[in-house]
Amino acid sequence: MNRRFASLAFAAALVPTAALAQSAPPPGPMGAPSAEQRSTMEQMHQQFAQMHQQARAQMLAALTPQHRAFVGNVVSQLAVAVTPNRQAAAAQIDAALTPSEKQSILNIHTTLKNNARGMMAAQRARFEASMSPDQRAAMQSRHAGERGGWESREHVAQDPGEILLRTLFGGEGGHVGMHP
């Protein structure tokens, strides 16, 4: 009798283990993106890179050949400087540009920024729609009180020389998907 009881107790102890082994794997950590969300974010990153490359080409095309060569020299000097001064380089570029070149750069930048903001807003809505209520709540609590995105970068200079330098050379604001 004791053998039978021990066997039944052992079998009963295994039932929950077998049930757990057959269930789906637990979800990732709260707020961790799914494979689909990661894929979507990668696609968005690629779209931002493509938009940035297109804006870069448009800005370069807006320059006269002489100014394009001048900007290239300023950027190359900045790249090899022991103590690079990006502000001075941007001021040099801005001073050399014609009013129509400046306006073209501002227009291209504004279009790029608006397109990127629209794409980010649409993507965020899709991303949040795919989240569980718990994931949305966790994300909102993590980001409560943060000033992020475009609003946190309003301090970045918006003169054409600085915009062109950031677009060509990189750095803060170099990729519009992440910066202005």
C-alpha atoms as a PDB file:
ATOM      1  CA  MET A   1       0.000   0.000   0.000  1.00  0.00           C
ATOM      2  CA  ASN A   2       2.807   2.408   0.842  1.00  0.00           C
ATOM      3  CA  ARG A   3       4.364   1.694  -2.535  1.00  0.00           C
ATOM      4  CA  ARG A   4       1.143   2.469  -4.319  1.00  0.00           C
ATOM      5  CA  PHE A   5       0.697   5.710  -2.342  1.00  0.00           C
ATOM      6  CA  ALA A   6       4.276   6.758  -3.071  1.00  0.00           C
ATOM      7  CA  SER A   7       3.794   6.049  -6.778  1.00  0.00           C
ATOM      8  CA  LEU A   8       0.561   8.048  -6.893  1.00  0.00           C
ATOM      9  CA  ALA A   9       2.134  10.937  -4.995  1.00  0.00           C
ATOM     10  CA  PHE A  10       5.077  10.962  -7.382  1.00  0.00           C
ATOM     11  CA  ALA A  11       2.763  10.901 -10.430  1.00  0.00           C
ATOM     12  CA  ALA A  12       0.647  13.702  -8.952  1.00  0.00           C
ATOM     13  CA  ALA A  13       3.772  15.772  -8.431  1.00  0.00           C
ATOM     14  CA  LEU A  14       4.731  15.348 -12.094  1.00  0.00           C
ATOM     15  CA  VAL A  15       1.366  16.489 -13.514  1.00  0.00           C
ATOM     16  CA  PRO A  16       1.995  20.247 -13.019  1.00  0.00           C
ATOM     17  CA  THR A  17       5.501  19.867 -14.431  1.00  0.00           C
ATOM     18  CA  ALA A  18       4.183  18.165 -17.560  1.00  0.00           C
ATOM     19  CA  ALA A  19       1.528  20.843 -17.978  1.00  0.00           C
ATOM     20  CA  LEU A  20       4.139  23.589 -17.699  1.00  0.00           C
ATOM     21  CA  ALA A  21       6.386  21.866 -20.210  1.00  0.00           C
ATOM     22  CA  GLN A  22       3.566  21.906 -22.767  1.00  0.00           C
ATOM     23  CA  SER A  23       2.603  25.569 -22.267  1.00  0.00           C
ATOM     24  CA  ALA A  24       3.961  28.429 -24.368  1.00  0.00           C
ATOM     25  CA  PRO A  25       7.210  30.016 -23.225  1.00  0.00           C
ATOM     26  CA  PRO A  26       6.736  32.976 -20.911  1.00  0.00           C
ATOM     27  CA  PRO A  27       6.796  36.413 -22.499  1.00  0.00           C
ATOM     28  CA  GLY A  28       9.981  38.450 -22.375  1.00  0.00           C
ATOM     29  CA  PRO A  29      10.636  41.032 -19.696  1.00  0.00           C
ATOM     30  CA  MET A  30       7.961  43.656 -19.272  1.00  0.00           C
ATOM     31  CA  GLY A  31       8.324  46.201 -22.044  1.00  0.00           C
ATOM     32  CA  ALA A  32      10.808  44.188 -24.095  1.00  0.00           C
ATOM     33  CA  PRO A  33       9.942  44.455 -27.800  1.00  0.00           C
ATOM     34  CA  SER A  34       8.775  41.376 -29.636  1.00  0.00           C
ATOM     35  CA  ALA A  35      10.588  40.069 -32.698  1.00  0.00           C
ATOM     36  CA  GLU A  36       7.959  41.749 -34.879  1.00  0.00           C
ATOM     37  CA  GLN A  37       8.429  45.062 -33.069  1.00  0.00           C
ATOM     38  CA  ARG A  38      12.220  44.816 -33.397  1.00  0.00           C
ATOM     39  CA  SER A  39      11.839  44.123 -37.115  1.00  0.00           C
ATOM     40  CA  THR A  40       9.536  47.113 -37.500  1.00  0.00           C
ATOM     41  CA  MET A  41      11.997  49.335 -35.626  1.00  0.00           C
ATOM     42  CA  GLU A  42      14.821  48.158 -37.891  1.00  0.00           C
ATOM     43  CA  GLN A  43      12.729  48.958 -40.970  1.00  0.00           C
ATOM     44  CA  MET A  44      11.997  52.412 -39.573  1.00  0.00           C
ATOM     45  CA  HIS A  45      15.691  52.964 -38.898  1.00  0.00           C
ATOM     46  CA  GLN A  46      16.441  52.038 -42.509  1.00  0.00           C
ATOM     47  CA  GLN A  47      13.763  54.457 -43.720  1.00  0.00           C
ATOM     48  CA  PHE A  48      15.296  57.225 -41.598  1.00  0.00           C
ATOM     49  CA  ALA A  49      18.729  56.496 -43.034  1.00  0.00           C
ATOM     50  CA  GLN A  50      17.294  56.624 -46.551  1.00  0.00           C
ATOM     51  CA  MET A  51      15.496  59.917 -45.819  1.00  0.00           C
ATOM     52  CA  HIS A  52      18.701  61.361 -44.364  1.00  0.00           C
ATOM     53  CA  GLN A  53      20.729  60.269 -47.394  1.00  0.00           C
ATOM     54  CA  GLN A  54      18.180  61.838 -49.734  1.00  0.00           C
ATOM     55  CA  ALA A  55      18.211  65.121 -47.785  1.00  0.00           C
ATOM     56  CA  ARG A  56      22.020  65.095 -47.801  1.00  0.00           C
ATOM     57  CA  ALA A  57      22.060  64.700 -51.591  1.00  0.00           C
ATOM     58  CA  GLN A  58      19.479  67.476 -51.991  1.00  0.00           C
ATOM     59  CA  MET A  59      21.463  69.841 -49.759  1.00  0.00           C
ATOM     60  CA  LEU A  60      24.657  69.185 -51.686  1.00  0.00           C
ATOM     61  CA  ALA A  61      22.818  69.703 -54.983  1.00  0.00           C
ATOM     62  CA  ALA A  62      21.563  73.069 -53.702  1.00  0.00           C
ATOM     63  CA  LEU A  63      25.159  74.358 -53.406  1.00  0.00           C
ATOM     64  CA  THR A  64      27.172  75.930 -56.178  1.00  0.00           C
ATOM     65  CA  PRO A  65      30.223  73.864 -57.175  1.00  0.00           C
ATOM     66  CA  GLN A  66      32.474  76.429 -55.473  1.00  0.00           C
ATOM     67  CA  HIS A  67      30.519  76.326 -52.226  1.00  0.00           C
ATOM     68  CA  ARG A  68      30.365  72.554 -52.326  1.00  0.00           C
ATOM     69  CA  ALA A  69      34.180  72.462 -52.560  1.00  0.00           C
ATOM     70  CA  PHE A  70      34.431  75.069 -49.772  1.00  0.00           C
ATOM     71  CA  VAL A  71      32.165  73.040 -47.485  1.00  0.00           C
ATOM     72  CA  GLY A  72      34.196  69.921 -48.278  1.00  0.00           C
ATOM     73  CA  ASN A  73      37.385  71.719 -47.241  1.00  0.00           C
ATOM     74  CA  VAL A  74      35.832  72.957 -43.988  1.00  0.00           C
ATOM     75  CA  VAL A  75      34.560  69.467 -43.144  1.00  0.00           C
ATOM     76  CA  SER A  76      37.911  67.847 -43.937  1.00  0.00           C
ATOM     77  CA  GLN A  77      39.775  70.430 -41.822  1.00  0.00           C
ATOM     78  CA  LEU A  78      37.361  69.768 -38.992  1.00  0.00           C
ATOM     79  CA  ALA A  79      37.889  66.015 -39.314  1.00  0.00           C
ATOM     80  CA  VAL A  80      41.661  66.233 -38.905  1.00  0.00           C
ATOM     81  CA  ALA A  81      41.805  69.074 -36.364  1.00  0.00           C
ATOM     82  CA  VAL A  82      43.397  68.211 -33.037  1.00  0.00           C
ATOM     83  CA  THR A  83      40.727  70.262 -31.268  1.00  0.00           C
ATOM     84  CA  PRO A  84      37.819  70.555 -33.697  1.00  0.00           C
ATOM     85  CA  ASN A  85      35.552  73.573 -33.302  1.00  0.00           C
ATOM     86  CA  ARG A  86      32.229  72.642 -34.859  1.00  0.00           C
ATOM     87  CA  GLN A  87      30.651  76.001 -34.042  1.00  0.00           C
ATOM     88  CA  ALA A  88      33.374  77.928 -35.853  1.00  0.00           C
ATOM     89  CA  ALA A  89      33.165  75.566 -38.831  1.00  0.00           C
ATOM     90  CA  ALA A  90      29.378  75.978 -38.987  1.00  0.00           C
ATOM     91  CA  ALA A  91      29.773  79.760 -38.826  1.00  0.00           C
ATOM     92  CA  GLN A  92      32.289  79.641 -41.705  1.00  0.00           C
ATOM     93  CA  ILE A  93      29.891  77.600 -43.813  1.00  0.00           C
ATOM     94  CA  ASP A  94      26.930  79.797 -42.944  1.00  0.00           C
ATOM     95  CA  ALA A  95      28.859  82.943 -43.875  1.00  0.00           C
ATOM     96  CA  ALA A  96      29.834  81.513 -47.273  1.00  0.00           C
ATOM     97  CA  LEU A  97      26.349  80.393 -48.362  1.00  0.00           C
ATOM     98  CA  THR A  98      24.154  82.547 -50.592  1.00  0.00           C
ATOM     99  CA  PRO A  99      20.658  83.470 -49.398  1.00  0.00           C
ATOM    100  CA  SER A 100      19.086  81.014 -51.861  1.00  0.00           C
ATOM    101  CA  GLU A 101      21.400  78.195 -50.704  1.00  0.00           C
ATOM    102  CA  LYS A 102      20.510  78.954 -47.088  1.00  0.00           C
ATOM    103  CA  GLN A 103      16.797  78.910 -47.864  1.00  0.00           C
ATOM    104  CA  SER A 104      17.106  75.637 -49.774  1.00  0.00           C
ATOM    105  CA  ILE A 105      18.910  74.001 -46.853  1.00  0.00           C
ATOM    106  CA  LEU A 106      16.278  75.254 -44.402  1.00  0.00           C
ATOM    107  CA  ASN A 107      13.447  74.008 -46.634  1.00  0.00           C
ATOM    108  CA  ILE A 108      15.042  70.577 -47.106  1.00  0.00           C
ATOM    109  CA  HIS A 109      15.681  70.304 -43.371  1.00  0.00           C
ATOM    110  CA  THR A 110      12.116  71.325 -42.491  1.00  0.00           C
ATOM    111  CA  THR A 111      10.664  68.813 -44.944  1.00  0.00           C
ATOM    112  CA  LEU A 112      12.925  66.076 -43.602  1.00  0.00           C
ATOM    113  CA  LYS A 113      12.070  66.898 -39.996  1.00  0.00           C
ATOM    114  CA  ASN A 114       8.312  66.977 -40.684  1.00  0.00           C
ATOM    115  CA  ASN A 115       8.404  63.701 -42.622  1.00  0.00           C
ATOM    116  CA  ALA A 116      10.422  62.043 -39.864  1.00  0.00           C
ATOM    117  CA  ARG A 117       8.062  63.305 -37.165  1.00  0.00           C
ATOM    118  CA  GLY A 118       5.063  62.001 -39.083  1.00  0.00           C
ATOM    119  CA  MET A 119       6.677  58.627 -39.619  1.00  0.00           C
ATOM    120  CA  MET A 120       7.665  58.401 -35.952  1.00  0.00           C
ATOM    121  CA  ALA A 121       4.160  59.311 -34.759  1.00  0.00           C
ATOM    122  CA  ALA A 122       2.564  56.702 -37.021  1.00  0.00           C
ATOM    123  CA  GLN A 123       5.101  54.078 -35.976  1.00  0.00           C
ATOM    124  CA  ARG A 124       4.638  54.861 -32.303  1.00  0.00           C
ATOM    125  CA  ALA A 125       0.862  54.445 -32.662  1.00  0.00           C
ATOM    126  CA  ARG A 126       1.350  51.052 -34.372  1.00  0.00           C
ATOM    127  CA  PHE A 127       3.911  50.003 -31.767  1.00  0.00           C
ATOM    128  CA  GLU A 128       1.670  50.967 -28.847  1.00  0.00           C
ATOM    129  CA  ALA A 129      -1.326  49.231 -30.450  1.00  0.00           C
ATOM    130  CA  SER A 130       0.645  45.972 -30.500  1.00  0.00           C
ATOM    131  CA  MET A 131       1.457  46.193 -26.789  1.00  0.00           C
ATOM    132  CA  SER A 132      -0.519  44.621 -23.983  1.00  0.00           C
ATOM    133  CA  PRO A 133      -2.154  47.018 -21.504  1.00  0.00           C
ATOM    134  CA  ASP A 134       0.510  46.074 -18.942  1.00  0.00           C
ATOM    135  CA  GLN A 135       3.313  46.836 -21.407  1.00  0.00           C
ATOM    136  CA  ARG A 136       1.742  50.213 -22.293  1.00  0.00           C
ATOM    137  CA  ALA A 137       1.385  51.096 -18.616  1.00  0.00           C
ATOM    138  CA  ALA A 138       4.988  50.087 -17.919  1.00  0.00           C
ATOM    139  CA  MET A 139       6.223  52.156 -20.859  1.00  0.00           C
ATOM    140  CA  GLN A 140       4.197  55.186 -19.790  1.00  0.00           C
ATOM    141  CA  SER A 141       5.488  54.967 -16.226  1.00  0.00           C
ATOM    142  CA  ARG A 142       9.088  54.645 -17.465  1.00  0.00           C
ATOM    143  CA  HIS A 143       8.725  57.733 -19.638  1.00  0.00           C
ATOM    144  CA  ALA A 144       6.564  59.819 -17.289  1.00  0.00           C
ATOM    145  CA  GLY A 145       7.971  63.296 -16.923  1.00  0.00           C
ATOM    146  CA  GLU A 146      10.568  62.846 -19.654  1.00  0.00           C
ATOM    147  CA  ARG A 147      10.962  65.440 -22.336  1.00  0.00           C
ATOM    148  CA  GLY A 148      12.180  63.384 -25.194  1.00  0.00           C
ATOM    149  CA  GLY A 149      12.290  63.321 -28.930  1.00  0.00           C
ATOM    150  CA  TRP A 150      12.246  66.538 -30.854  1.00  0.00           C
ATOM    151  CA  GLU A 151      11.276  68.773 -27.947  1.00  0.00           C
ATOM    152  CA  SER A 152      14.427  67.949 -25.990  1.00  0.00           C
ATOM    153  CA  ARG A 153      16.624  69.101 -28.862  1.00  0.00           C
ATOM    154  CA  GLU A 154      15.187  72.559 -29.457  1.00  0.00           C
ATOM    155  CA  HIS A 155      18.489  73.961 -28.185  1.00  0.00           C
ATOM    156  CA  VAL A 156      20.279  72.707 -31.304  1.00  0.00           C
ATOM    157  CA  ALA A 157      21.156  75.590 -33.608  1.00  0.00           C
ATOM    158  CA  GLN A 158      18.988  75.805 -36.685  1.00  0.00           C
ATOM    159  CA  ASP A 159      21.134  77.999 -38.915  1.00  0.00           C
ATOM    160  CA  PRO A 160      21.869  76.610 -42.396  1.00  0.00           C
ATOM    161  CA  GLY A 161      25.605  76.234 -41.765  1.00  0.00           C
ATOM    162  CA  GLU A 162      25.030  74.135 -38.649  1.00  0.00           C
ATOM    163  CA  ILE A 163      22.307  72.071 -40.335  1.00  0.00           C
ATOM    164  CA  LEU A 164      24.529  71.379 -43.330  1.00  0.00           C
ATOM    165  CA  LEU A 165      27.512  70.522 -41.137  1.00  0.00           C
ATOM    166  CA  ARG A 166      25.462  68.107 -38.993  1.00  0.00           C
ATOM    167  CA  THR A 167      23.976  66.516 -42.106  1.00  0.00           C
ATOM    168  CA  LEU A 168      27.348  66.008 -43.787  1.00  0.00           C
ATOM    169  CA  PHE A 169      29.609  65.353 -40.824  1.00  0.00           C
ATOM    170  CA  GLY A 170      27.256  63.649 -38.374  1.00  0.00           C
ATOM    171  CA  GLY A 171      27.073  64.193 -34.664  1.00  0.00           C
ATOM    172  CA  GLU A 172      24.072  65.545 -32.782  1.00  0.00           C
ATOM    173  CA  GLY A 173      21.274  65.926 -35.269  1.00  0.00           C
ATOM    174  CA  GLY A 174      23.126  64.005 -37.952  1.00  0.00           C
ATOM    175  CA  HIS A 175      20.356  61.427 -38.340  1.00  0.00           C
ATOM    176  CA  VAL A 176      16.967  62.999 -38.341  1.00  0.00           C
ATOM    177  CA  GLY A 177      15.291  59.890 -37.066  1.00  0.00           C
ATOM    178  CA  MET A 178      17.002  60.315 -33.752  1.00  0.00           C
ATOM    179  CA  HIS A 179      17.730  64.008 -33.749  1.00  0.00           C
ATOM    180  CA  PRO A 180      16.359  67.178 -35.362  1.00  0.00           C
END
